Protein backbone atom coordinates (compact mmCIF):
# COMPACT_ATOMS: atom_id res chain seq x y z
CA UNK A 1 -10.78 9.58 -44.52
CA UNK A 2 -13.77 11.37 -43.12
CA UNK A 3 -16.11 8.93 -44.91
CA UNK A 4 -14.73 5.80 -43.23
CA UNK A 5 -14.14 4.71 -39.64
CA UNK A 6 -10.85 3.02 -40.47
CA UNK A 7 -8.43 3.64 -43.34
CA UNK A 8 -5.45 1.64 -44.59
CA UNK A 9 -3.23 2.57 -47.49
CA UNK A 10 -1.88 0.15 -50.03
CA UNK A 11 1.00 1.08 -52.31
CA UNK A 12 2.62 -0.85 -55.14
CA UNK A 13 6.26 -1.14 -56.16
CA UNK A 14 6.19 -2.16 -59.80
CA UNK A 15 9.76 -1.12 -60.57
CA UNK A 16 8.72 2.40 -61.53
CA UNK A 17 11.39 4.98 -62.30
CA UNK A 18 9.59 7.39 -59.98
CA UNK A 19 9.94 5.07 -57.00
CA UNK A 20 10.36 8.13 -54.78
CA UNK A 21 6.54 8.07 -54.73
CA UNK A 22 6.70 5.00 -52.50
CA UNK A 23 8.54 6.84 -49.74
CA UNK A 24 6.29 9.88 -50.20
CA UNK A 25 3.20 7.66 -49.78
CA UNK A 26 4.68 6.05 -46.68
CA UNK A 27 5.46 9.45 -45.17
CA UNK A 28 1.99 10.84 -45.90
CA UNK A 29 0.31 7.74 -44.44
CA UNK A 30 2.43 8.12 -41.32
CA UNK A 31 1.46 11.79 -40.96
CA UNK A 32 -2.21 10.83 -41.39
CA UNK A 33 -1.86 8.07 -38.80
CA UNK A 34 -2.99 5.26 -41.10
CA UNK A 35 -1.48 1.84 -41.71
CA UNK A 36 0.74 1.60 -44.81
CA UNK A 37 1.33 -1.63 -46.74
CA UNK A 38 3.69 -1.96 -49.70
CA UNK A 39 3.20 -4.78 -52.21
CA UNK A 40 5.86 -5.83 -54.70
CA UNK A 41 4.57 -6.07 -58.27
CA UNK A 42 7.86 -5.60 -60.10
CA UNK A 43 6.94 -8.54 -62.31
CA UNK A 44 5.26 -5.91 -64.50
CA UNK A 45 8.73 -5.06 -65.84
CA UNK A 46 8.92 -8.58 -67.24
CA UNK A 47 5.74 -8.45 -69.27
CA UNK A 48 5.22 -4.85 -70.46
CA UNK A 49 7.51 -2.32 -72.07
CA UNK A 50 7.05 1.35 -71.16
CA UNK A 51 9.02 4.38 -70.05
CA UNK A 52 7.97 4.10 -66.40
CA UNK A 53 9.64 0.72 -65.90
CA UNK A 54 12.43 0.98 -68.49
CA UNK A 55 15.04 3.52 -67.40
CA UNK A 56 16.62 3.45 -70.88
CA UNK A 57 13.43 4.76 -72.48
CA UNK A 58 12.75 8.50 -72.32
CA UNK A 59 9.41 9.71 -71.01
CA UNK A 60 7.58 11.40 -73.89
CA UNK A 61 6.97 15.07 -73.23
CA UNK A 62 3.90 15.26 -75.45
CA UNK A 63 0.95 12.90 -75.70
CA UNK A 64 0.96 11.15 -79.09
CA UNK A 65 -2.16 11.56 -81.25
CA UNK A 66 -2.44 8.04 -82.61
CA UNK A 67 -1.48 5.80 -79.69
CA UNK A 68 -1.34 5.73 -75.89
CA UNK A 69 1.62 7.54 -74.29
CA UNK A 70 4.77 5.49 -73.64
CA UNK A 71 4.09 5.94 -69.90
CA UNK A 72 1.12 3.57 -70.13
CA UNK A 73 1.79 0.51 -67.98
CA UNK A 74 -0.66 -1.98 -69.47
CA UNK A 75 -3.07 -3.35 -66.88
CA UNK A 76 -1.52 -1.44 -63.98
CA UNK A 77 -4.70 -0.13 -62.37
CA UNK A 78 -6.50 -3.40 -63.04
CA UNK A 79 -3.76 -5.26 -61.15
CA UNK A 80 -3.61 -2.65 -58.38
CA UNK A 81 -7.35 -2.89 -57.77
CA UNK A 82 -7.37 -6.67 -58.03
CA UNK A 83 -4.58 -7.02 -55.47
CA UNK A 84 -6.27 -4.38 -53.31
CA UNK A 85 -9.48 -6.44 -53.40
CA UNK A 86 -7.64 -9.62 -52.39
CA UNK A 87 -5.96 -7.71 -49.55
CA UNK A 88 -9.24 -6.08 -48.48
CA UNK A 89 -11.35 -9.24 -48.54
CA UNK A 90 -8.86 -10.91 -46.20
CA UNK A 91 -9.57 -8.11 -43.72
CA UNK A 92 -13.32 -7.94 -44.45
CA UNK A 93 -12.99 -4.47 -45.97
CA UNK A 94 -15.67 -3.81 -48.61
CA UNK A 95 -14.60 -0.31 -49.71
CA UNK A 96 -11.72 0.34 -52.09
CA UNK A 97 -10.73 3.92 -52.88
CA UNK A 98 -8.52 4.87 -55.82
CA UNK A 99 -7.37 8.21 -57.20
CA UNK A 100 -7.95 7.55 -60.90
CA UNK A 101 -9.74 10.15 -62.95
CA UNK A 102 -10.71 10.81 -66.52
CA UNK A 103 -11.57 14.53 -66.46
CA UNK A 104 -8.09 15.48 -67.74
CA UNK A 105 -7.87 12.32 -69.85
CA UNK A 106 -4.26 11.51 -70.60
CA UNK A 107 -4.65 8.35 -72.65
CA UNK A 108 -4.86 5.70 -69.93
CA UNK A 109 -7.83 3.39 -70.57
CA UNK A 110 -7.70 1.98 -67.02
CA UNK A 111 -8.47 5.41 -65.54
CA UNK A 112 -11.92 5.59 -67.14
CA UNK A 113 -15.15 5.29 -65.18
CA UNK A 114 -16.40 2.57 -67.51
CA UNK A 115 -13.36 0.44 -66.72
CA UNK A 116 -13.66 0.91 -62.93
CA UNK A 117 -17.37 0.04 -62.92
CA UNK A 118 -16.70 -3.05 -65.02
CA UNK A 119 -13.84 -4.18 -62.78
CA UNK A 120 -15.96 -3.59 -59.68
CA UNK A 121 -18.57 -5.99 -61.02
CA UNK A 122 -15.90 -8.50 -62.08
CA UNK A 123 -14.25 -8.45 -58.65
CA UNK A 124 -17.61 -8.93 -56.94
CA UNK A 125 -18.38 -11.93 -59.14
CA UNK A 126 -14.92 -13.47 -59.06
CA UNK A 127 -14.52 -13.19 -55.29
CA UNK A 128 -18.17 -13.56 -54.28
CA UNK A 129 -17.87 -10.41 -52.16
CA UNK A 130 -19.64 -7.06 -52.34
CA UNK A 131 -16.89 -4.51 -52.98
CA UNK A 132 -17.51 -0.87 -53.76
CA UNK A 133 -14.75 0.92 -55.64
CA UNK A 134 -14.84 4.63 -54.85
CA UNK A 135 -13.28 7.11 -57.30
CA UNK A 136 -13.64 10.54 -55.66
CA UNK A 137 -11.45 12.22 -58.29
CA UNK A 138 -13.02 10.61 -61.37
CA UNK A 139 -14.78 13.70 -62.70
CA UNK A 140 -12.59 16.38 -61.13
CA UNK A 141 -10.16 18.45 -63.19
CA UNK A 142 -6.68 19.06 -61.83
CA UNK A 143 -7.86 22.55 -60.86
CA UNK A 144 -10.71 21.05 -58.85
CA UNK A 145 -8.33 18.57 -57.20
CA UNK A 146 -6.12 21.45 -56.06
CA UNK A 147 -9.22 23.18 -54.68
CA UNK A 148 -10.19 20.00 -52.84
CA UNK A 149 -6.72 19.72 -51.29
CA UNK A 150 -7.06 23.30 -50.06
CA UNK A 151 -10.56 22.64 -48.71
CA UNK A 152 -9.25 19.58 -46.82
CA UNK A 153 -6.35 21.59 -45.35
CA UNK A 154 -3.61 19.61 -47.10
CA UNK A 155 -2.74 22.01 -49.94
CA UNK A 156 0.87 22.59 -48.84
CA UNK A 157 1.43 18.89 -48.17
CA UNK A 158 0.11 17.98 -51.63
CA UNK A 159 2.12 20.77 -53.25
CA UNK A 160 5.44 19.86 -51.65
CA UNK A 161 5.31 16.22 -50.55
CA UNK A 162 3.50 14.32 -53.31
CA UNK A 163 5.01 12.88 -56.48
CA UNK A 164 3.25 13.29 -59.81
CA UNK A 165 6.40 13.51 -61.93
CA UNK A 166 7.22 10.47 -64.06
CA UNK A 167 10.89 11.37 -63.65
CA UNK A 168 10.62 11.04 -59.88
CA UNK A 169 10.94 14.65 -58.72
CA UNK A 170 8.87 15.53 -55.65
CA UNK A 171 6.64 18.58 -55.50
CA UNK A 172 6.55 20.64 -58.70
CA UNK A 173 8.44 17.89 -60.54
CA UNK A 174 10.47 18.23 -63.73
CA UNK A 175 7.85 20.47 -65.35
CA UNK A 176 8.19 18.72 -68.71
CA UNK A 177 6.56 15.29 -68.55
CA UNK A 178 2.81 15.11 -69.26
CA UNK A 179 1.98 14.45 -65.60
CA UNK A 180 3.90 17.56 -64.51
CA UNK A 181 2.27 19.65 -67.22
CA UNK A 182 -1.22 18.62 -66.07
CA UNK A 183 -0.29 19.27 -62.43
CA UNK A 184 1.27 22.67 -63.19
CA UNK A 185 -1.62 23.83 -65.39
CA UNK A 186 -4.17 22.71 -62.80
CA UNK A 187 -2.35 24.53 -60.01
CA UNK A 188 -1.97 27.67 -62.12
CA UNK A 189 -5.71 27.65 -62.92
CA UNK A 190 -6.63 27.08 -59.28
CA UNK A 191 -4.39 29.86 -57.97
CA UNK A 192 -5.69 32.25 -60.65
CA UNK A 193 -9.30 31.40 -59.80
CA UNK A 194 -8.60 31.72 -56.06
CA UNK A 195 -6.99 35.17 -56.37
C-alpha cells in the first residue's frame, strides 16, 4: 500500500471450498481501511473439474509428479487478472497487484512470471490501455514472505487471519494440503532463521 496513493481490493468467489478466504479478505481490507469488492465467478464450477470447486473430490496431499495437482483451477489467475483489468480500467486505475509467485513452484502454470508478463501485454493490447501488473511476491520464497510480513508489521495478522488452506481452515490450516505444507515449512524456516 505504501507504493500507491489509493488502494482497492478485489476478491473473487468462484465457488471455492475454502470460501472462508472471502470473509478473511473482507476483514483484512476493512482493517487496512481500503475498499473491498467481491465479484462472482462461480461459473468456473461449470467448466473445470478440480478439488477446490468440487466438494466431493479430496484435495491431494502430495503434488503428483506427472501432472498438475488436482487443486489447479484452469485459467483462474488469467480470469482474475482479466476481470481486475476491466474493473480497473473503468476507474482509470493502471496498476494491478497480484500475490502470485513461482519461487516455491507448486504446479500452477498461471503463477509463473512468463504468464503474467504475457497477460500484461495481452490486456494492454486488447483494452488499449497501459496496465502494469505488479507481482511483489513472484521471486520470494515462503520464508521470505513471512519475513516481509514481519517487516511490514503484519506478521500476527498474516499468521492468524489469512487463509492458505485448501480445506478452508484459517491461520495454520489443516497442515496436510500442499498449501499448508508450504506455509508451515516457510514459517518454520523463517522462525529458525530469525532466532
